[in-house]
Protein backbone atom coordinates (compact mmCIF):
# COMPACT_ATOMS: atom_id res chain seq x y z
CA MET A 1 -21.49 -62.86 193.38
CA ASN A 2 -23.71 -65.72 192.30
CA ALA A 3 -27.04 -65.73 194.09
CA GLU A 4 -29.14 -68.80 194.75
CA THR A 5 -32.74 -68.41 193.67
CA LYS A 6 -35.40 -69.88 195.97
CA HIS A 7 -39.20 -69.93 195.84
CA LEU A 8 -41.33 -70.16 198.98
CA THR A 9 -45.05 -70.61 199.39
CA LEU A 10 -46.65 -68.23 201.86
CA GLY A 11 -46.61 -69.76 205.35
CA THR A 12 -43.62 -72.06 204.74
CA SER A 13 -40.01 -71.89 205.88
CA LEU A 14 -36.62 -72.58 204.31
CA PRO A 15 -33.55 -73.70 206.26
CA ILE A 16 -30.23 -72.20 205.18
CA VAL A 17 -27.12 -74.03 206.39
CA LEU A 18 -23.83 -72.13 206.34
CA PRO A 19 -20.38 -73.39 207.35
CA GLY A 20 -19.40 -72.27 210.83
CA LEU A 21 -16.03 -70.98 211.98
CA GLY A 22 -17.06 -70.00 215.48
CA THR A 23 -13.90 -71.41 217.01
CA ALA A 24 -11.94 -68.87 214.95
CA GLY A 25 -14.23 -65.99 215.98
CA PHE A 26 -16.22 -65.76 212.74
CA GLN A 27 -19.99 -65.22 212.81
CA TRP A 28 -22.63 -64.96 210.11
CA PHE A 29 -24.52 -61.66 209.78
CA PHE A 30 -27.35 -60.97 207.35
CA THR A 31 -29.27 -58.16 205.69
CA VAL A 32 -32.73 -58.48 204.14
CA SER A 33 -33.71 -56.13 201.32
CA ASN A 34 -37.48 -56.54 201.92
CA PRO A 35 -38.21 -57.47 205.57
CA ASP A 36 -41.97 -57.32 204.88
CA CYS A 37 -41.61 -60.45 202.72
CA VAL A 38 -39.58 -62.77 205.00
CA GLU A 39 -38.21 -63.07 208.51
CA VAL A 40 -34.76 -64.61 209.11
CA VAL A 41 -34.11 -66.27 212.47
CA ARG A 42 -31.02 -68.12 213.63
CA TYR A 43 -31.99 -71.70 214.42
CA ASN A 44 -30.47 -73.12 217.60
CA TYR A 45 -30.01 -76.84 217.66
CA ALA A 46 -28.29 -79.14 220.14
CA ILE A 47 -25.78 -81.84 219.30
CA GLU A 48 -23.52 -84.08 221.31
CA THR A 49 -20.53 -81.81 221.73
CA MET A 50 -18.57 -84.57 223.47
CA ARG A 51 -18.21 -86.36 220.13
CA MET A 52 -16.80 -83.34 218.30
CA GLU A 53 -13.15 -83.08 217.39
CA ALA A 54 -11.20 -80.39 219.21
CA GLY A 55 -11.15 -77.14 217.25
CA SER A 56 -14.05 -78.08 214.97
CA SER A 57 -16.93 -75.69 214.34
CA LEU A 58 -20.63 -76.35 213.91
CA ASP A 59 -22.59 -75.31 210.86
CA VAL A 60 -24.85 -72.30 211.40
CA VAL A 61 -28.52 -72.70 210.48
CA PHE A 62 -30.93 -69.86 209.71
CA MET A 63 -34.65 -70.32 209.10
CA VAL A 64 -36.28 -68.06 206.50
CA HIS A 65 -40.00 -67.71 207.27
CA SER A 66 -42.27 -66.38 204.52
CA LYS A 67 -44.52 -63.52 205.68
CA ALA A 68 -46.04 -61.93 202.57
CA PRO A 69 -45.94 -62.41 198.79
CA GLY A 70 -43.10 -60.59 197.06
CA GLN A 71 -39.39 -60.66 196.37
CA THR A 72 -36.39 -60.11 198.59
CA THR A 73 -32.65 -60.61 198.68
CA ILE A 74 -30.83 -61.93 201.74
CA LEU A 75 -27.10 -61.34 201.96
CA PHE A 76 -25.13 -63.38 204.51
CA GLU A 77 -21.60 -62.29 205.44
CA GLN A 78 -19.18 -64.28 207.59
CA LYS A 79 -16.87 -61.99 209.52
CA ARG A 80 -15.37 -61.20 212.88
CA ILE A 81 -17.34 -58.50 214.66
CA TRP A 82 -14.20 -56.71 215.85
CA GLU A 83 -12.63 -56.54 212.36
CA LYS A 84 -14.76 -53.67 211.09
CA HIS A 85 -12.51 -52.69 208.17
CA ASN A 86 -11.77 -56.16 206.79
CA PRO A 87 -13.92 -57.65 204.04
CA PRO A 88 -16.06 -60.68 204.94
CA LEU A 89 -14.36 -64.07 204.80
CA ASN A 90 -17.38 -65.58 202.99
CA THR A 91 -20.61 -64.27 201.51
CA LYS A 92 -23.76 -66.03 200.36
CA GLN A 93 -26.72 -64.39 198.63
CA PHE A 94 -30.24 -65.70 198.20
CA ASP A 95 -32.87 -64.17 195.90
CA ILE A 96 -36.23 -65.29 197.30
CA THR A 97 -39.71 -65.08 195.83
CA VAL A 98 -42.72 -65.71 198.08
CA VAL A 99 -45.96 -66.73 196.34
CA ASN A 100 -49.49 -67.35 197.68
CA HIS A 101 -49.67 -70.97 196.46
């Protein structure tokens, strides 16, 4: 798996936009190798749903907030929660380094 490398300055945030398939039951889940370094929070945003095509899905946005200098890896997996034995449909990995300045 190819990881994206990102650098954050302490006290800043990074948005991560992933393709959504919520209408098909898929959700994004994540694991953080070093939770002391960053915090990952799903970002909720509002859009005009009346203008969306039937059956379309919204992108999913996560905000990565830097907490302390160091390195971490965040692995995102898109899967259906009830399909415990199936592999994820999509994965995305980020290798993140947080620096003081």
